């Protein structure tokens, strides 16, 4: 079992206020959650009106599935928001689902 966490940094060039930024971030968060059934949250740069950092997380069984979903999420972000994707990174944490629990 893999727990996948990805961070996406967005540049929102046209945002001149935190309110404008929040509209873009909330819209993208909602679209990602609905489209891909992933958990999303803004995790940094809360007070910077032209930048945002979103975390996306999900669980899958195989590395190939994780890589495929990450590629789809990147493509989705690049084509479904007014913000520019400035960069992203991800980590995959492997867990044994049959591990003993204490």
N, C-alpha and C. Protein backbone atom coordinates (compact mmCIF):
# COMPACT_ATOMS: atom_id res chain seq x y z
N UNK A 1 0.85 -1.16 0.00
CA UNK A 1 0.00 0.00 0.00
C UNK A 1 0.90 1.23 0.00
N UNK A 2 0.54 2.21 -0.81
CA UNK A 2 1.30 3.46 -0.90
C UNK A 2 0.45 4.64 -0.45
N UNK A 3 1.02 5.46 0.38
CA UNK A 3 0.42 6.76 0.70
C UNK A 3 1.23 7.78 -0.09
N UNK A 4 0.56 8.52 -0.95
CA UNK A 4 1.23 9.47 -1.83
C UNK A 4 0.87 10.89 -1.40
N UNK A 5 1.88 11.71 -1.25
CA UNK A 5 1.68 13.12 -0.91
C UNK A 5 2.44 13.96 -1.95
N UNK A 6 1.75 14.91 -2.54
CA UNK A 6 2.38 15.79 -3.52
C UNK A 6 2.14 17.24 -3.12
N UNK A 7 3.14 18.07 -3.35
CA UNK A 7 3.02 19.51 -3.12
C UNK A 7 3.09 20.22 -4.46
N UNK A 8 2.16 21.14 -4.67
CA UNK A 8 2.10 21.90 -5.91
C UNK A 8 2.20 23.38 -5.58
N UNK A 9 3.14 24.07 -6.19
CA UNK A 9 3.28 25.50 -5.99
C UNK A 9 2.67 26.23 -7.18
N UNK A 10 1.78 27.16 -6.89
CA UNK A 10 1.07 27.90 -7.92
C UNK A 10 1.44 29.37 -7.88
N UNK A 11 1.53 29.97 -9.04
CA UNK A 11 1.73 31.41 -9.14
C UNK A 11 0.45 31.98 -9.74
N UNK A 12 -0.18 32.88 -9.00
CA UNK A 12 -1.47 33.47 -9.40
C UNK A 12 -1.20 34.93 -9.74
N UNK A 13 -0.75 35.15 -10.95
CA UNK A 13 -0.24 36.45 -11.38
C UNK A 13 -1.25 37.58 -11.24
N UNK A 14 -2.50 37.31 -11.55
CA UNK A 14 -3.52 38.36 -11.57
C UNK A 14 -4.10 38.67 -10.20
N UNK A 15 -3.79 37.88 -9.17
CA UNK A 15 -4.38 38.08 -7.85
C UNK A 15 -3.77 39.31 -7.19
N UNK A 16 -4.62 40.27 -6.88
CA UNK A 16 -4.18 41.49 -6.22
C UNK A 16 -4.63 41.56 -4.78
N UNK A 17 -5.28 40.48 -4.32
CA UNK A 17 -5.72 40.42 -2.93
C UNK A 17 -5.78 38.96 -2.50
N UNK A 18 -5.84 38.76 -1.20
CA UNK A 18 -5.98 37.40 -0.68
C UNK A 18 -7.33 36.81 -1.06
N UNK A 19 -8.33 37.67 -1.18
CA UNK A 19 -9.66 37.20 -1.58
C UNK A 19 -9.62 36.60 -2.99
N UNK A 20 -8.94 37.26 -3.92
CA UNK A 20 -8.82 36.74 -5.28
C UNK A 20 -8.04 35.43 -5.28
N UNK A 21 -6.98 35.38 -4.49
CA UNK A 21 -6.19 34.15 -4.39
C UNK A 21 -7.04 33.01 -3.86
N UNK A 22 -7.79 33.26 -2.80
CA UNK A 22 -8.60 32.21 -2.17
C UNK A 22 -9.64 31.66 -3.14
N UNK A 23 -10.19 32.52 -4.00
CA UNK A 23 -11.17 32.05 -4.98
C UNK A 23 -10.52 31.03 -5.92
N UNK A 24 -9.31 31.31 -6.39
CA UNK A 24 -8.61 30.40 -7.29
C UNK A 24 -8.26 29.11 -6.57
N UNK A 25 -7.72 29.22 -5.36
CA UNK A 25 -7.29 28.05 -4.60
C UNK A 25 -8.48 27.16 -4.25
N UNK A 26 -9.56 27.75 -3.78
CA UNK A 26 -10.74 26.97 -3.40
C UNK A 26 -11.32 26.27 -4.62
N UNK A 27 -11.40 26.96 -5.73
CA UNK A 27 -11.93 26.34 -6.95
C UNK A 27 -11.09 25.14 -7.36
N UNK A 28 -9.77 25.30 -7.35
CA UNK A 28 -8.90 24.20 -7.76
C UNK A 28 -8.98 23.05 -6.76
N UNK A 29 -8.98 23.36 -5.47
CA UNK A 29 -9.10 22.30 -4.46
C UNK A 29 -10.37 21.49 -4.66
N UNK A 30 -11.48 22.18 -4.87
CA UNK A 30 -12.76 21.50 -5.05
C UNK A 30 -12.76 20.64 -6.32
N UNK A 31 -12.21 21.17 -7.40
CA UNK A 31 -12.16 20.42 -8.67
C UNK A 31 -11.29 19.17 -8.53
N UNK A 32 -10.12 19.31 -7.88
CA UNK A 32 -9.25 18.16 -7.70
C UNK A 32 -9.90 17.09 -6.83
N UNK A 33 -10.50 17.51 -5.73
CA UNK A 33 -11.15 16.56 -4.83
C UNK A 33 -12.28 15.82 -5.53
N UNK A 34 -13.08 16.55 -6.28
CA UNK A 34 -14.24 15.95 -6.96
C UNK A 34 -13.80 15.05 -8.12
N UNK A 35 -12.86 15.51 -8.92
CA UNK A 35 -12.45 14.78 -10.12
C UNK A 35 -11.65 13.53 -9.80
N UNK A 36 -10.72 13.63 -8.84
CA UNK A 36 -9.78 12.53 -8.59
C UNK A 36 -10.01 11.82 -7.26
N UNK A 37 -10.95 12.28 -6.46
CA UNK A 37 -11.22 11.67 -5.14
C UNK A 37 -9.95 11.64 -4.29
N UNK A 38 -9.28 12.79 -4.20
CA UNK A 38 -8.07 12.94 -3.41
C UNK A 38 -8.32 13.97 -2.31
N UNK A 39 -7.48 13.94 -1.29
CA UNK A 39 -7.54 14.95 -0.24
C UNK A 39 -6.66 16.12 -0.66
N UNK A 40 -7.15 17.35 -0.48
CA UNK A 40 -6.39 18.53 -0.85
C UNK A 40 -6.47 19.57 0.26
N UNK A 41 -5.41 20.37 0.36
CA UNK A 41 -5.43 21.48 1.32
C UNK A 41 -4.33 22.46 0.97
N UNK A 42 -4.56 23.73 1.24
CA UNK A 42 -3.51 24.74 1.11
C UNK A 42 -2.63 24.63 2.34
N UNK A 43 -1.32 24.47 2.14
CA UNK A 43 -0.44 24.16 3.27
C UNK A 43 0.63 25.21 3.55
N UNK A 44 0.77 26.20 2.71
CA UNK A 44 1.81 27.22 2.94
C UNK A 44 1.45 28.47 2.15
N UNK A 45 2.18 29.53 2.43
CA UNK A 45 2.03 30.82 1.74
C UNK A 45 0.62 31.40 1.88
N UNK A 46 0.03 31.22 3.04
CA UNK A 46 -1.35 31.67 3.27
C UNK A 46 -1.51 33.18 3.12
N UNK A 47 -0.49 33.94 3.46
CA UNK A 47 -0.60 35.40 3.44
C UNK A 47 0.08 36.05 2.24
N UNK A 48 0.44 35.24 1.25
CA UNK A 48 1.07 35.76 0.03
C UNK A 48 0.01 35.70 -1.06
N UNK A 49 -0.37 36.86 -1.61
CA UNK A 49 -1.53 36.88 -2.49
C UNK A 49 -1.28 36.38 -3.90
N UNK A 50 -0.05 36.21 -4.34
CA UNK A 50 0.17 35.71 -5.70
C UNK A 50 0.79 34.31 -5.74
N UNK A 51 0.92 33.66 -4.60
CA UNK A 51 1.46 32.31 -4.57
C UNK A 51 0.63 31.44 -3.63
N UNK A 52 0.60 30.15 -3.96
CA UNK A 52 -0.09 29.18 -3.10
C UNK A 52 0.64 27.86 -3.19
N UNK A 53 0.57 27.11 -2.12
CA UNK A 53 1.12 25.77 -2.13
C UNK A 53 0.02 24.82 -1.66
N UNK A 54 -0.33 23.89 -2.55
CA UNK A 54 -1.37 22.91 -2.26
C UNK A 54 -0.75 21.55 -2.02
N UNK A 55 -1.30 20.83 -1.05
CA UNK A 55 -0.92 19.44 -0.84
C UNK A 55 -2.07 18.57 -1.33
N UNK A 56 -1.70 17.49 -2.00
CA UNK A 56 -2.66 16.51 -2.47
C UNK A 56 -2.20 15.16 -1.95
N UNK A 57 -3.12 14.37 -1.41
CA UNK A 57 -2.74 13.05 -0.92
C UNK A 57 -3.78 12.01 -1.32
N UNK A 58 -3.29 10.79 -1.50
CA UNK A 58 -4.18 9.68 -1.83
C UNK A 58 -3.46 8.37 -1.51
N UNK A 59 -4.24 7.30 -1.50
CA UNK A 59 -3.71 5.96 -1.23
C UNK A 59 -3.95 5.11 -2.47
N UNK A 60 -2.95 4.31 -2.82
CA UNK A 60 -3.06 3.40 -3.94
C UNK A 60 -2.25 2.15 -3.64
N UNK A 61 -2.35 1.17 -4.50
CA UNK A 61 -1.66 -0.10 -4.25
C UNK A 61 -0.34 -0.24 -4.98
N UNK A 62 -0.17 0.43 -6.11
CA UNK A 62 1.02 0.22 -6.92
C UNK A 62 1.65 1.55 -7.33
N UNK A 63 2.97 1.51 -7.54
CA UNK A 63 3.71 2.69 -7.98
C UNK A 63 3.20 3.19 -9.34
N UNK A 64 2.89 2.28 -10.24
CA UNK A 64 2.43 2.68 -11.58
C UNK A 64 1.11 3.45 -11.49
N UNK A 65 0.22 3.00 -10.62
CA UNK A 65 -1.05 3.71 -10.42
C UNK A 65 -0.79 5.10 -9.86
N UNK A 66 0.11 5.19 -8.89
CA UNK A 66 0.43 6.48 -8.28
C UNK A 66 1.02 7.43 -9.30
N UNK A 67 1.97 6.96 -10.09
CA UNK A 67 2.59 7.80 -11.12
C UNK A 67 1.58 8.27 -12.15
N UNK A 68 0.70 7.36 -12.56
CA UNK A 68 -0.34 7.73 -13.53
C UNK A 68 -1.28 8.78 -13.00
N UNK A 69 -1.70 8.64 -11.75
CA UNK A 69 -2.60 9.62 -11.16
C UNK A 69 -1.90 10.96 -10.97
N UNK A 70 -0.65 10.94 -10.55
CA UNK A 70 0.09 12.20 -10.41
C UNK A 70 0.20 12.91 -11.75
N UNK A 71 0.48 12.17 -12.82
CA UNK A 71 0.55 12.78 -14.16
C UNK A 71 -0.78 13.42 -14.55
N UNK A 72 -1.87 12.73 -14.26
CA UNK A 72 -3.20 13.27 -14.58
C UNK A 72 -3.49 14.53 -13.77
N UNK A 73 -3.09 14.53 -12.50
CA UNK A 73 -3.31 15.69 -11.64
C UNK A 73 -2.51 16.89 -12.15
N UNK A 74 -1.26 16.67 -12.52
CA UNK A 74 -0.43 17.76 -13.06
C UNK A 74 -1.06 18.32 -14.33
N UNK A 75 -1.47 17.45 -15.25
CA UNK A 75 -2.12 17.90 -16.49
C UNK A 75 -3.39 18.69 -16.18
N UNK A 76 -4.16 18.20 -15.20
CA UNK A 76 -5.40 18.87 -14.82
C UNK A 76 -5.12 20.26 -14.27
N UNK A 77 -4.14 20.38 -13.39
CA UNK A 77 -3.81 21.69 -12.81
C UNK A 77 -3.37 22.65 -13.91
N UNK A 78 -2.55 22.17 -14.83
CA UNK A 78 -2.04 23.04 -15.89
C UNK A 78 -3.13 23.51 -16.84
N UNK A 79 -4.21 22.76 -16.96
CA UNK A 79 -5.24 23.13 -17.93
C UNK A 79 -6.56 23.60 -17.31
N UNK A 80 -6.70 23.57 -15.98
CA UNK A 80 -7.99 23.90 -15.36
C UNK A 80 -7.93 24.99 -14.30
N UNK A 81 -6.94 25.85 -14.37
CA UNK A 81 -6.88 26.96 -13.43
C UNK A 81 -6.23 28.15 -14.12
N UNK A 82 -6.52 29.32 -13.60
CA UNK A 82 -5.89 30.54 -14.11
C UNK A 82 -4.49 30.72 -13.55
N UNK A 83 -4.13 29.91 -12.58
CA UNK A 83 -2.80 29.99 -11.98
C UNK A 83 -1.80 29.19 -12.82
N UNK A 84 -0.54 29.55 -12.70
CA UNK A 84 0.54 28.83 -13.39
C UNK A 84 1.20 27.87 -12.40
N UNK A 85 1.37 26.63 -12.80
CA UNK A 85 2.06 25.66 -11.96
C UNK A 85 3.55 25.98 -11.99
N UNK A 86 4.09 26.45 -10.86
CA UNK A 86 5.49 26.86 -10.78
C UNK A 86 6.42 25.70 -10.48
N UNK A 87 5.88 24.64 -9.89
CA UNK A 87 6.69 23.47 -9.58
C UNK A 87 5.92 22.51 -8.70
N UNK A 88 6.44 21.30 -8.61
CA UNK A 88 5.79 20.31 -7.74
C UNK A 88 6.77 19.22 -7.37
N UNK A 89 6.46 18.53 -6.29
CA UNK A 89 7.25 17.39 -5.82
C UNK A 89 6.31 16.40 -5.16
N UNK A 90 6.75 15.17 -5.05
CA UNK A 90 5.90 14.15 -4.40
C UNK A 90 6.77 13.14 -3.67
N UNK A 91 6.12 12.46 -2.73
CA UNK A 91 6.75 11.36 -2.01
C UNK A 91 5.75 10.23 -1.89
N UNK A 92 6.28 9.02 -1.95
CA UNK A 92 5.45 7.82 -1.78
C UNK A 92 5.94 7.08 -0.54
N UNK A 93 5.04 6.83 0.36
CA UNK A 93 5.37 6.13 1.59
C UNK A 93 4.76 4.73 1.52
N UNK A 94 5.60 3.71 1.64
CA UNK A 94 5.10 2.35 1.56
C UNK A 94 4.74 1.83 2.95
N UNK A 95 3.57 1.20 3.03
CA UNK A 95 3.11 0.59 4.26
C UNK A 95 2.70 -0.85 3.99
N UNK A 96 2.95 -1.71 4.96
CA UNK A 96 2.49 -3.09 4.88
C UNK A 96 1.09 -3.14 5.49
N UNK A 97 0.06 -3.40 4.68
CA UNK A 97 -1.30 -3.39 5.22
C UNK A 97 -1.54 -4.53 6.21
N UNK A 98 -0.66 -5.51 6.24
CA UNK A 98 -0.83 -6.63 7.15
C UNK A 98 0.05 -6.50 8.40
N UNK A 99 0.69 -5.37 8.57
CA UNK A 99 1.56 -5.16 9.75
C UNK A 99 0.73 -5.25 11.02
N UNK A 100 1.35 -5.78 12.03
CA UNK A 100 0.68 -5.87 13.31
C UNK A 100 0.46 -4.49 13.93
N UNK A 101 -0.66 -4.31 14.54
CA UNK A 101 -0.98 -3.05 15.19
C UNK A 101 -0.93 -3.24 16.70
N UNK A 102 -0.43 -2.26 17.38
CA UNK A 102 -0.37 -2.37 18.85
C UNK A 102 -1.37 -1.46 19.50
